[in-house]
Amino acid sequence: MIRLVVAAALTVATFAAVVPAVDDARATRTDAAIERAVDRIDRAGRSLATTEDATPTRERAATRRITVRLPRASLTAAQPAFVAIGGRPGGQGNRSAVTFALAESPTRLRGLSLPVPVRTPAGPVVLREPGRRSVSLALVGAADRPTLVVTRRPPGASVAVDT
């Protein structure tokens, strides 16, 4: 009987010691995944700005679509509270930055190193729900003043293909 009590006590103590490390690993993994997505957005924006010509309308603009995957809370990943492109959620947008936060962590701000300004017509593009979400980057404006327009493509929206 004493062995059973000692074994149970050791199990509880071990579990209590491991849980913070697991939570930290989950947060680190999710942070790394979001940082990779921000890197892809940054590279796509720089590529558009340096290799394409701006057009007056978004319909004809050179465009890149980036898929951002937000994980569900699990043993191996923490679920982000939000990822916002163009500024903080509820803000005015039009910033060359991505903000994100996990449920229990402070908001992090990551600047984008783009050679053109960012415009988010409907405020920051905010992603909250887990899963894959598409973000569209388009190079719009006059040749002397191009702007990178960032919008969110709704889930399930079809993509028009010119034939």
Protein backbone atom coordinates (compact mmCIF):
# COMPACT_ATOMS: atom_id res chain seq x y z
CA MET A 1 0.00 0.00 0.00
CA ILE A 2 2.82 2.39 0.86
CA ARG A 3 4.48 1.68 -2.50
CA LEU A 4 1.27 2.62 -4.29
CA VAL A 5 1.03 5.93 -2.40
CA VAL A 6 4.71 6.73 -3.07
CA ALA A 7 4.31 5.85 -6.78
CA ALA A 8 1.23 8.07 -7.05
CA ALA A 9 3.01 10.94 -5.29
CA LEU A 10 6.03 10.62 -7.61
CA THR A 11 3.75 10.54 -10.66
CA VAL A 12 1.98 13.71 -9.58
CA ALA A 13 5.29 15.44 -8.82
CA THR A 14 6.76 14.43 -12.18
CA PHE A 15 3.66 15.60 -14.02
CA ALA A 16 3.72 18.93 -12.19
CA ALA A 17 7.36 19.41 -13.19
CA VAL A 18 6.76 18.53 -16.85
CA VAL A 19 3.63 20.60 -17.56
CA PRO A 20 5.40 24.02 -17.67
CA ALA A 21 8.02 22.63 -20.04
CA VAL A 22 5.32 21.21 -22.33
CA ASP A 23 3.46 24.54 -22.33
CA ASP A 24 6.68 26.38 -23.16
CA ALA A 25 7.45 23.97 -26.01
CA ARG A 26 3.91 24.38 -27.39
CA ALA A 27 4.25 28.18 -27.35
CA THR A 28 7.72 28.05 -28.91
CA ARG A 29 6.52 25.79 -31.72
CA THR A 30 3.55 28.04 -32.50
CA ASP A 31 5.72 31.19 -32.38
CA ALA A 32 8.13 29.59 -34.84
CA ALA A 33 5.28 28.67 -37.21
CA ILE A 34 3.92 32.22 -37.14
CA GLU A 35 7.41 33.68 -37.65
CA ARG A 36 7.82 31.47 -40.75
CA ALA A 37 4.50 32.74 -42.11
CA VAL A 38 5.60 36.35 -41.50
CA ASP A 39 8.87 35.59 -43.34
CA ARG A 40 6.86 34.29 -46.33
CA ILE A 41 4.71 37.44 -46.34
CA ASP A 42 7.83 39.61 -46.16
CA ARG A 43 9.57 37.73 -49.01
CA ALA A 44 6.46 37.81 -51.22
CA GLY A 45 5.99 41.55 -50.64
CA ARG A 46 9.63 42.32 -51.40
CA SER A 47 9.49 40.12 -54.50
CA LEU A 48 6.42 41.93 -55.81
CA ALA A 49 7.89 45.36 -55.12
CA THR A 50 11.24 44.63 -56.75
CA THR A 51 10.26 42.47 -59.74
CA GLU A 52 6.78 43.62 -60.80
CA ASP A 53 5.23 46.83 -62.08
CA ALA A 54 2.40 48.47 -60.17
CA THR A 55 -0.98 48.82 -61.87
CA PRO A 56 -3.73 51.34 -61.16
CA THR A 57 -6.29 48.69 -60.10
CA ARG A 58 -6.10 45.60 -57.92
CA GLU A 59 -7.93 43.51 -60.55
CA ARG A 60 -4.91 43.70 -62.89
CA ALA A 61 -2.18 43.90 -60.26
CA ALA A 62 0.61 41.40 -59.79
CA THR A 63 -0.53 39.28 -56.85
CA ARG A 64 0.89 36.74 -54.44
CA ARG A 65 -1.23 34.54 -52.19
CA ILE A 66 0.24 33.40 -48.91
CA THR A 67 -1.33 30.65 -46.84
CA VAL A 68 -1.10 31.11 -43.09
CA ARG A 69 -1.84 28.07 -40.95
CA LEU A 70 -3.06 28.75 -37.41
CA PRO A 71 -2.85 25.62 -35.26
CA ARG A 72 -5.53 24.32 -32.90
CA ALA A 73 -4.63 23.95 -29.26
CA SER A 74 -3.12 20.49 -28.80
CA LEU A 75 -0.40 18.71 -26.91
CA THR A 76 2.16 19.96 -29.45
CA ALA A 77 0.87 23.43 -30.39
CA ALA A 78 -0.70 26.44 -28.71
CA GLN A 79 -3.59 28.17 -30.43
CA PRO A 80 -2.86 31.82 -31.25
CA ALA A 81 -5.33 34.41 -30.01
CA PHE A 82 -4.83 36.28 -33.31
CA VAL A 83 -2.45 37.11 -36.13
CA ALA A 84 -3.00 40.58 -37.63
CA ILE A 85 -1.33 41.90 -40.77
CA GLY A 86 -1.18 45.68 -41.07
CA GLY A 87 -1.39 46.56 -37.37
CA ARG A 88 -3.15 45.58 -34.15
CA PRO A 89 -6.71 44.21 -34.28
CA GLY A 90 -9.16 47.07 -34.04
CA GLY A 91 -6.50 49.54 -35.17
CA GLN A 92 -6.43 51.63 -38.33
CA GLY A 93 -4.19 49.30 -40.30
CA ASN A 94 -1.88 50.40 -43.10
CA ARG A 95 1.26 49.52 -41.12
CA SER A 96 4.19 47.45 -42.39
CA ALA A 97 3.88 45.07 -39.45
CA VAL A 98 2.37 41.82 -38.25
CA THR A 99 1.13 41.52 -34.67
CA PHE A 100 0.27 38.25 -32.98
CA ALA A 101 -0.35 36.76 -29.57
CA LEU A 102 -0.98 33.44 -27.95
CA ALA A 103 -3.79 33.20 -25.41
CA GLU A 104 -1.68 33.89 -22.31
CA SER A 105 1.21 35.85 -23.81
CA PRO A 106 1.65 39.55 -24.58
CA THR A 107 1.16 40.83 -28.10
CA ARG A 108 4.26 40.65 -30.28
CA LEU A 109 5.00 43.07 -33.09
CA ARG A 110 7.11 42.11 -36.08
CA GLY A 111 7.97 44.73 -38.66
CA LEU A 112 8.02 43.93 -42.37
CA SER A 113 11.03 45.19 -44.31
CA LEU A 114 9.25 46.22 -47.49
CA PRO A 115 10.42 48.87 -49.96
CA VAL A 116 6.80 50.09 -50.43
CA PRO A 117 4.07 51.10 -47.96
CA VAL A 118 1.35 48.65 -46.93
CA ARG A 119 -2.35 49.38 -47.31
CA THR A 120 -5.09 47.35 -45.67
CA PRO A 121 -8.35 48.77 -47.08
CA ALA A 122 -10.63 47.32 -44.36
CA GLY A 123 -8.25 47.76 -41.43
CA PRO A 124 -5.76 45.11 -40.33
CA VAL A 125 -6.24 41.64 -41.79
CA VAL A 126 -7.00 39.66 -38.63
CA LEU A 127 -6.82 35.87 -38.52
CA ARG A 128 -8.29 34.21 -35.42
CA GLU A 129 -9.74 30.82 -36.33
CA PRO A 130 -7.49 27.76 -36.53
CA GLY A 131 -6.80 26.31 -39.96
CA ARG A 132 -5.41 27.52 -43.26
CA ARG A 133 -6.19 31.09 -44.29
CA SER A 134 -5.19 32.84 -47.50
CA VAL A 135 -3.85 36.37 -47.59
CA SER A 136 -3.50 38.22 -50.87
CA LEU A 137 -0.75 40.75 -51.60
CA ALA A 138 -1.16 42.99 -54.66
CA LEU A 139 1.12 45.73 -56.02
CA VAL A 140 -1.16 48.66 -56.83
CA GLY A 141 -0.67 52.33 -57.62
CA ALA A 142 1.18 54.60 -59.97
CA ALA A 143 4.66 53.57 -61.06
CA ASP A 144 6.24 56.33 -58.95
CA ARG A 145 4.17 55.48 -55.81
CA PRO A 146 3.40 51.74 -55.62
CA THR A 147 1.60 50.31 -52.59
CA LEU A 148 1.28 46.75 -51.35
CA VAL A 149 -2.43 46.07 -50.78
CA VAL A 150 -3.09 43.26 -48.29
CA THR A 151 -6.50 41.57 -48.18
CA ARG A 152 -7.91 38.32 -46.90
CA ARG A 153 -9.52 35.84 -49.23
CA PRO A 154 -12.56 34.31 -47.52
CA PRO A 155 -12.47 30.53 -46.94
CA GLY A 156 -14.05 28.65 -49.81
CA ALA A 157 -13.83 31.60 -52.25
CA SER A 158 -13.09 30.55 -55.78
CA VAL A 159 -10.07 31.82 -57.62
CA ALA A 160 -10.69 33.27 -61.09
CA VAL A 161 -8.29 31.91 -63.67
CA ASP A 162 -7.79 33.60 -67.05
CA THR A 163 -7.64 31.12 -69.90
